[in-house]
């Protein structure tokens, strides 16, 4: 298995390309960006914004030159979890309807997150060309090790029903859910 590395700004294009490809059928991304023609552009803006907000926190783990990536948020900045906040740098690049969906989902997720300190797995994705190698689990474990070193739990949310069981097998437990705007499950892994 290739080495797991912490992303630098030089990894931005590879990471964004991986995530755009990995999330093409994701329920949240397709809710936010339903148009096939504009999905690649809007998803690249979205993931680029998430990357830019995290890269200087040393909380993005990659493997295979960015073929699999885990974007984590440390506990000090829970407002930056998951998705761009309304004041995020990418917001002006979206048309009004897209911005409304991004802000609406962001608000719903943030209202449902725990109030105690935690490490947040905002995005975990593997390029389809590299799927099945165990790289996603490897980069996820790197962030879990960091959370455990801090003695803190880890939190994630997923809108893909199939992912719930995958995460359960990796030690996560469902702690809550949202019905709207997209059915979403919140999961927790205690520190190990």
C-alpha atoms as a PDB file:
ATOM      1  CA  UNK A   1       0.000   0.000   0.000  1.00  0.00           C
ATOM      2  CA  UNK A   2       1.335   3.480  -0.815  1.00  0.00           C
ATOM      3  CA  UNK A   3       2.185   5.831   2.028  1.00  0.00           C
ATOM      4  CA  UNK A   4      -0.476   8.016   3.590  1.00  0.00           C
ATOM      5  CA  UNK A   5       0.513  11.679   3.411  1.00  0.00           C
ATOM      6  CA  UNK A   6      -0.879  14.974   4.627  1.00  0.00           C
ATOM      7  CA  UNK A   7      -2.042  17.070   1.686  1.00  0.00           C
ATOM      8  CA  UNK A   8      -0.328  20.295   0.685  1.00  0.00           C
ATOM      9  CA  UNK A   9      -1.591  22.980  -1.715  1.00  0.00           C
ATOM     10  CA  UNK A  10       0.215  21.095  -4.507  1.00  0.00           C
ATOM     11  CA  UNK A  11      -2.291  18.221  -4.066  1.00  0.00           C
ATOM     12  CA  UNK A  12      -5.351  20.422  -4.656  1.00  0.00           C
ATOM     13  CA  UNK A  13      -6.085  19.468  -8.275  1.00  0.00           C
ATOM     14  CA  UNK A  14      -5.676  15.727  -7.650  1.00  0.00           C
ATOM     15  CA  UNK A  15      -7.846  15.823  -4.508  1.00  0.00           C
ATOM     16  CA  UNK A  16     -10.586  17.897  -6.150  1.00  0.00           C
ATOM     17  CA  UNK A  17     -10.572  15.642  -9.226  1.00  0.00           C
ATOM     18  CA  UNK A  18     -10.868  12.543  -7.044  1.00  0.00           C
ATOM     19  CA  UNK A  19     -13.783  13.947  -5.050  1.00  0.00           C
ATOM     20  CA  UNK A  20     -15.696  15.231  -8.094  1.00  0.00           C
ATOM     21  CA  UNK A  21     -15.444  11.724  -9.617  1.00  0.00           C
ATOM     22  CA  UNK A  22     -16.165   9.897  -6.342  1.00  0.00           C
ATOM     23  CA  UNK A  23     -19.334  11.844  -5.510  1.00  0.00           C
ATOM     24  CA  UNK A  24     -21.033  11.863  -8.939  1.00  0.00           C
ATOM     25  CA  UNK A  25     -23.935   9.747  -7.583  1.00  0.00           C
ATOM     26  CA  UNK A  26     -23.875  10.955  -3.962  1.00  0.00           C
ATOM     27  CA  UNK A  27     -27.348  12.001  -2.750  1.00  0.00           C
ATOM     28  CA  UNK A  28     -26.165  15.267  -1.143  1.00  0.00           C
ATOM     29  CA  UNK A  29     -23.969  16.349  -4.043  1.00  0.00           C
ATOM     30  CA  UNK A  30     -26.770  15.594  -6.508  1.00  0.00           C
ATOM     31  CA  UNK A  31     -29.228  17.528  -4.330  1.00  0.00           C
ATOM     32  CA  UNK A  32     -26.853  20.479  -4.298  1.00  0.00           C
ATOM     33  CA  UNK A  33     -25.844  20.180  -7.970  1.00  0.00           C
ATOM     34  CA  UNK A  34     -28.568  18.214  -9.817  1.00  0.00           C
ATOM     35  CA  UNK A  35     -27.712  19.356 -13.347  1.00  0.00           C
ATOM     36  CA  UNK A  36     -25.378  16.905 -15.112  1.00  0.00           C
ATOM     37  CA  UNK A  37     -23.909  19.669 -17.252  1.00  0.00           C
ATOM     38  CA  UNK A  38     -22.927  21.945 -14.352  1.00  0.00           C
ATOM     39  CA  UNK A  39     -22.185  19.232 -11.745  1.00  0.00           C
ATOM     40  CA  UNK A  40     -18.446  18.964 -12.583  1.00  0.00           C
ATOM     41  CA  UNK A  41     -17.904  22.732 -12.308  1.00  0.00           C
ATOM     42  CA  UNK A  42     -19.988  23.277  -9.176  1.00  0.00           C
ATOM     43  CA  UNK A  43     -18.650  20.150  -7.449  1.00  0.00           C
ATOM     44  CA  UNK A  44     -15.071  21.259  -8.212  1.00  0.00           C
ATOM     45  CA  UNK A  45     -15.820  24.672  -6.665  1.00  0.00           C
ATOM     46  CA  UNK A  46     -17.397  22.967  -3.641  1.00  0.00           C
ATOM     47  CA  UNK A  47     -14.554  20.511  -3.005  1.00  0.00           C
ATOM     48  CA  UNK A  48     -11.915  23.125  -3.813  1.00  0.00           C
ATOM     49  CA  UNK A  49     -13.412  25.396  -1.155  1.00  0.00           C
ATOM     50  CA  UNK A  50     -13.411  22.553   1.394  1.00  0.00           C
ATOM     51  CA  UNK A  51      -9.794  21.723   0.517  1.00  0.00           C
ATOM     52  CA  UNK A  52      -8.692  25.358   0.788  1.00  0.00           C
ATOM     53  CA  UNK A  53     -10.296  25.689   4.251  1.00  0.00           C
ATOM     54  CA  UNK A  54      -8.494  22.596   5.589  1.00  0.00           C
ATOM     55  CA  UNK A  55      -5.141  22.290   3.829  1.00  0.00           C
ATOM     56  CA  UNK A  56      -3.286  24.569   6.254  1.00  0.00           C
ATOM     57  CA  UNK A  57      -4.657  22.662   9.277  1.00  0.00           C
ATOM     58  CA  UNK A  58      -2.736  19.487   8.357  1.00  0.00           C
ATOM     59  CA  UNK A  59      -6.029  17.586   8.504  1.00  0.00           C
ATOM     60  CA  UNK A  60      -6.331  16.208   4.958  1.00  0.00           C
ATOM     61  CA  UNK A  61      -4.914  12.720   4.540  1.00  0.00           C
ATOM     62  CA  UNK A  62      -4.305  11.257   1.065  1.00  0.00           C
ATOM     63  CA  UNK A  63      -2.960   8.109  -0.493  1.00  0.00           C
ATOM     64  CA  UNK A  64      -1.969   7.226  -4.043  1.00  0.00           C
ATOM     65  CA  UNK A  65      -1.228  10.802  -5.061  1.00  0.00           C
ATOM     66  CA  UNK A  66      -4.701  11.940  -4.003  1.00  0.00           C
ATOM     67  CA  UNK A  67      -6.577   8.889  -5.343  1.00  0.00           C
ATOM     68  CA  UNK A  68      -8.181   8.524  -1.918  1.00  0.00           C
ATOM     69  CA  UNK A  69      -8.683  11.404   0.492  1.00  0.00           C
ATOM     70  CA  UNK A  70     -10.123  12.169   3.922  1.00  0.00           C
ATOM     71  CA  UNK A  71     -10.851  15.814   4.745  1.00  0.00           C
ATOM     72  CA  UNK A  72     -11.064  16.222   8.521  1.00  0.00           C
ATOM     73  CA  UNK A  73     -11.814  19.207  10.755  1.00  0.00           C
ATOM     74  CA  UNK A  74     -10.085  19.492  14.110  1.00  0.00           C
ATOM     75  CA  UNK A  75     -12.333  20.221  17.102  1.00  0.00           C
ATOM     76  CA  UNK A  76     -11.343  23.860  17.494  1.00  0.00           C
ATOM     77  CA  UNK A  77     -13.371  24.908  14.451  1.00  0.00           C
ATOM     78  CA  UNK A  78     -16.726  23.099  14.408  1.00  0.00           C
ATOM     79  CA  UNK A  79     -18.279  25.869  12.298  1.00  0.00           C
ATOM     80  CA  UNK A  80     -16.075  24.774   9.392  1.00  0.00           C
ATOM     81  CA  UNK A  81     -17.306  21.192   9.467  1.00  0.00           C
ATOM     82  CA  UNK A  82     -18.547  19.354   6.453  1.00  0.00           C
ATOM     83  CA  UNK A  83     -19.652  21.940   4.002  1.00  0.00           C
ATOM     84  CA  UNK A  84     -18.935  25.536   3.098  1.00  0.00           C
ATOM     85  CA  UNK A  85     -20.515  28.020   5.423  1.00  0.00           C
ATOM     86  CA  UNK A  86     -22.521  30.876   3.926  1.00  0.00           C
ATOM     87  CA  UNK A  87     -19.540  33.185   4.340  1.00  0.00           C
ATOM     88  CA  UNK A  88     -17.251  30.681   2.566  1.00  0.00           C
ATOM     89  CA  UNK A  89     -15.057  31.963  -0.205  1.00  0.00           C
ATOM     90  CA  UNK A  90     -16.737  29.849  -2.904  1.00  0.00           C
ATOM     91  CA  UNK A  91     -20.283  31.069  -2.275  1.00  0.00           C
ATOM     92  CA  UNK A  92     -20.270  33.912  -4.838  1.00  0.00           C
ATOM     93  CA  UNK A  93     -19.342  31.462  -7.621  1.00  0.00           C
ATOM     94  CA  UNK A  94     -22.692  29.667  -7.331  1.00  0.00           C
ATOM     95  CA  UNK A  95     -25.936  30.756  -8.969  1.00  0.00           C
ATOM     96  CA  UNK A  96     -28.568  31.819  -6.405  1.00  0.00           C
ATOM     97  CA  UNK A  97     -30.512  28.533  -6.507  1.00  0.00           C
ATOM     98  CA  UNK A  98     -27.358  26.472  -5.946  1.00  0.00           C
ATOM     99  CA  UNK A  99     -26.188  28.772  -3.162  1.00  0.00           C
ATOM    100  CA  UNK A 100     -29.583  28.408  -1.476  1.00  0.00           C
ATOM    101  CA  UNK A 101     -29.299  24.602  -1.534  1.00  0.00           C
ATOM    102  CA  UNK A 102     -25.699  24.656  -0.252  1.00  0.00           C
ATOM    103  CA  UNK A 103     -26.592  27.031   2.593  1.00  0.00           C
ATOM    104  CA  UNK A 104     -29.762  25.111   3.452  1.00  0.00           C
ATOM    105  CA  UNK A 105     -27.956  21.795   3.712  1.00  0.00           C
ATOM    106  CA  UNK A 106     -25.068  23.373   5.621  1.00  0.00           C
ATOM    107  CA  UNK A 107     -27.471  24.944   8.134  1.00  0.00           C
ATOM    108  CA  UNK A 108     -29.366  21.665   8.643  1.00  0.00           C
ATOM    109  CA  UNK A 109     -26.158  19.689   9.230  1.00  0.00           C
ATOM    110  CA  UNK A 110     -24.673  22.219  11.626  1.00  0.00           C
ATOM    111  CA  UNK A 111     -27.881  22.347  13.661  1.00  0.00           C
ATOM    112  CA  UNK A 112     -27.704  18.554  14.112  1.00  0.00           C
ATOM    113  CA  UNK A 113     -24.012  18.231  15.046  1.00  0.00           C
ATOM    114  CA  UNK A 114     -23.051  17.532  18.663  1.00  0.00           C
ATOM    115  CA  UNK A 115     -22.013  20.470  20.837  1.00  0.00           C
ATOM    116  CA  UNK A 116     -19.114  18.647  22.543  1.00  0.00           C
ATOM    117  CA  UNK A 117     -15.582  18.683  21.032  1.00  0.00           C
ATOM    118  CA  UNK A 118     -14.947  16.158  18.246  1.00  0.00           C
ATOM    119  CA  UNK A 119     -12.918  15.507  15.125  1.00  0.00           C
ATOM    120  CA  UNK A 120     -15.150  15.757  12.053  1.00  0.00           C
ATOM    121  CA  UNK A 121     -14.734  13.586   8.967  1.00  0.00           C
ATOM    122  CA  UNK A 122     -16.217  16.043   6.486  1.00  0.00           C
ATOM    123  CA  UNK A 123     -15.410  14.150   3.275  1.00  0.00           C
ATOM    124  CA  UNK A 124     -14.064  10.677   2.543  1.00  0.00           C
ATOM    125  CA  UNK A 125     -13.713   9.694  -1.090  1.00  0.00           C
ATOM    126  CA  UNK A 126     -11.770   7.444  -3.430  1.00  0.00           C
ATOM    127  CA  UNK A 127     -11.470   7.924  -7.160  1.00  0.00           C
ATOM    128  CA  UNK A 128     -13.509   5.190  -8.898  1.00  0.00           C
ATOM    129  CA  UNK A 129     -10.333   4.014 -10.695  1.00  0.00           C
ATOM    130  CA  UNK A 130      -8.782   3.212  -7.280  1.00  0.00           C
ATOM    131  CA  UNK A 131     -11.836   1.729  -5.542  1.00  0.00           C
ATOM    132  CA  UNK A 132     -11.588  -1.596  -3.738  1.00  0.00           C
ATOM    133  CA  UNK A 133      -7.991  -1.236  -2.550  1.00  0.00           C
ATOM    134  CA  UNK A 134      -8.796  -0.313   1.049  1.00  0.00           C
ATOM    135  CA  UNK A 135      -7.342   3.159   0.614  1.00  0.00           C
ATOM    136  CA  UNK A 136     -10.453   4.964   1.868  1.00  0.00           C
ATOM    137  CA  UNK A 137     -10.372   3.002   5.096  1.00  0.00           C
ATOM    138  CA  UNK A 138      -6.639   3.713   5.427  1.00  0.00           C
ATOM    139  CA  UNK A 139      -6.991   7.507   5.135  1.00  0.00           C
ATOM    140  CA  UNK A 140     -10.014   7.420   7.450  1.00  0.00           C
ATOM    141  CA  UNK A 141      -7.934   5.551  10.062  1.00  0.00           C
ATOM    142  CA  UNK A 142      -5.236   8.236   9.889  1.00  0.00           C
ATOM    143  CA  UNK A 143      -7.769  10.842  11.024  1.00  0.00           C
ATOM    144  CA  UNK A 144      -9.239   8.487  13.630  1.00  0.00           C
ATOM    145  CA  UNK A 145      -5.742   8.011  15.072  1.00  0.00           C
ATOM    146  CA  UNK A 146      -5.396  11.791  15.348  1.00  0.00           C
ATOM    147  CA  UNK A 147      -8.773  12.055  17.116  1.00  0.00           C
ATOM    148  CA  UNK A 148      -7.807   9.228  19.483  1.00  0.00           C
ATOM    149  CA  UNK A 149      -4.479  10.932  20.241  1.00  0.00           C
ATOM    150  CA  UNK A 150      -6.528  13.961  21.322  1.00  0.00           C
ATOM    151  CA  UNK A 151      -8.841  11.707  23.352  1.00  0.00           C
ATOM    152  CA  UNK A 152     -11.828  12.849  21.295  1.00  0.00           C
ATOM    153  CA  UNK A 153     -14.580  11.081  19.385  1.00  0.00           C
ATOM    154  CA  UNK A 154     -14.982  11.386  15.640  1.00  0.00           C
ATOM    155  CA  UNK A 155     -18.209  12.406  13.905  1.00  0.00           C
ATOM    156  CA  UNK A 156     -19.318  12.079  10.278  1.00  0.00           C
ATOM    157  CA  UNK A 157     -22.501  12.373   8.300  1.00  0.00           C
ATOM    158  CA  UNK A 158     -23.531  10.355   5.287  1.00  0.00           C
ATOM    159  CA  UNK A 159     -26.526  10.555   3.001  1.00  0.00           C
ATOM    160  CA  UNK A 160     -25.717   7.300   1.236  1.00  0.00           C
ATOM    161  CA  UNK A 161     -27.694   4.484   2.926  1.00  0.00           C
ATOM    162  CA  UNK A 162     -25.141   1.910   1.755  1.00  0.00           C
ATOM    163  CA  UNK A 163     -22.370   3.755   3.560  1.00  0.00           C
ATOM    164  CA  UNK A 164     -24.081   3.401   6.942  1.00  0.00           C
ATOM    165  CA  UNK A 165     -23.288  -0.323   7.080  1.00  0.00           C
ATOM    166  CA  UNK A 166     -19.756   0.199   5.734  1.00  0.00           C
ATOM    167  CA  UNK A 167     -19.077   2.714   8.499  1.00  0.00           C
ATOM    168  CA  UNK A 168     -20.672   0.439  11.119  1.00  0.00           C
ATOM    169  CA  UNK A 169     -18.252  -2.323  10.147  1.00  0.00           C
ATOM    170  CA  UNK A 170     -15.435   0.206  10.655  1.00  0.00           C
ATOM    171  CA  UNK A 171     -16.578   0.917  14.240  1.00  0.00           C
ATOM    172  CA  UNK A 172     -18.961   3.855  13.772  1.00  0.00           C
ATOM    173  CA  UNK A 173     -22.437   4.036  15.368  1.00  0.00           C
ATOM    174  CA  UNK A 174     -25.484   6.013  14.247  1.00  0.00           C
ATOM    175  CA  UNK A 175     -26.247   8.806  16.730  1.00  0.00           C
ATOM    176  CA  UNK A 176     -28.933  10.704  14.817  1.00  0.00           C
ATOM    177  CA  UNK A 177     -30.446  11.518  11.464  1.00  0.00           C
ATOM    178  CA  UNK A 178     -32.102  14.199   9.371  1.00  0.00           C
ATOM    179  CA  UNK A 179     -35.029  13.655   7.015  1.00  0.00           C
ATOM    180  CA  UNK A 180     -34.652  16.951   5.128  1.00  0.00           C
ATOM    181  CA  UNK A 181     -33.334  18.376   2.890  1.00  0.00           C
ATOM    182  CA  UNK A 182     -31.703  14.975   2.159  1.00  0.00           C
ATOM    183  CA  UNK A 183     -31.981  11.892   4.401  1.00  0.00           C
ATOM    184  CA  UNK A 184     -28.707  11.969   6.345  1.00  0.00           C
ATOM    185  CA  UNK A 185     -27.251   9.832   9.134  1.00  0.00           C
ATOM    186  CA  UNK A 186     -24.850  11.151  11.764  1.00  0.00           C
ATOM    187  CA  UNK A 187     -22.328   8.658  13.075  1.00  0.00           C
ATOM    188  CA  UNK A 188     -19.826   8.673  15.942  1.00  0.00           C
ATOM    189  CA  UNK A 189     -16.721   6.692  16.739  1.00  0.00           C
ATOM    190  CA  UNK A 190     -15.438   6.943  20.300  1.00  0.00           C
ATOM    191  CA  UNK A 191     -11.710   7.476  20.845  1.00  0.00           C
ATOM    192  CA  UNK A 192      -9.734   4.259  20.892  1.00  0.00           C
END
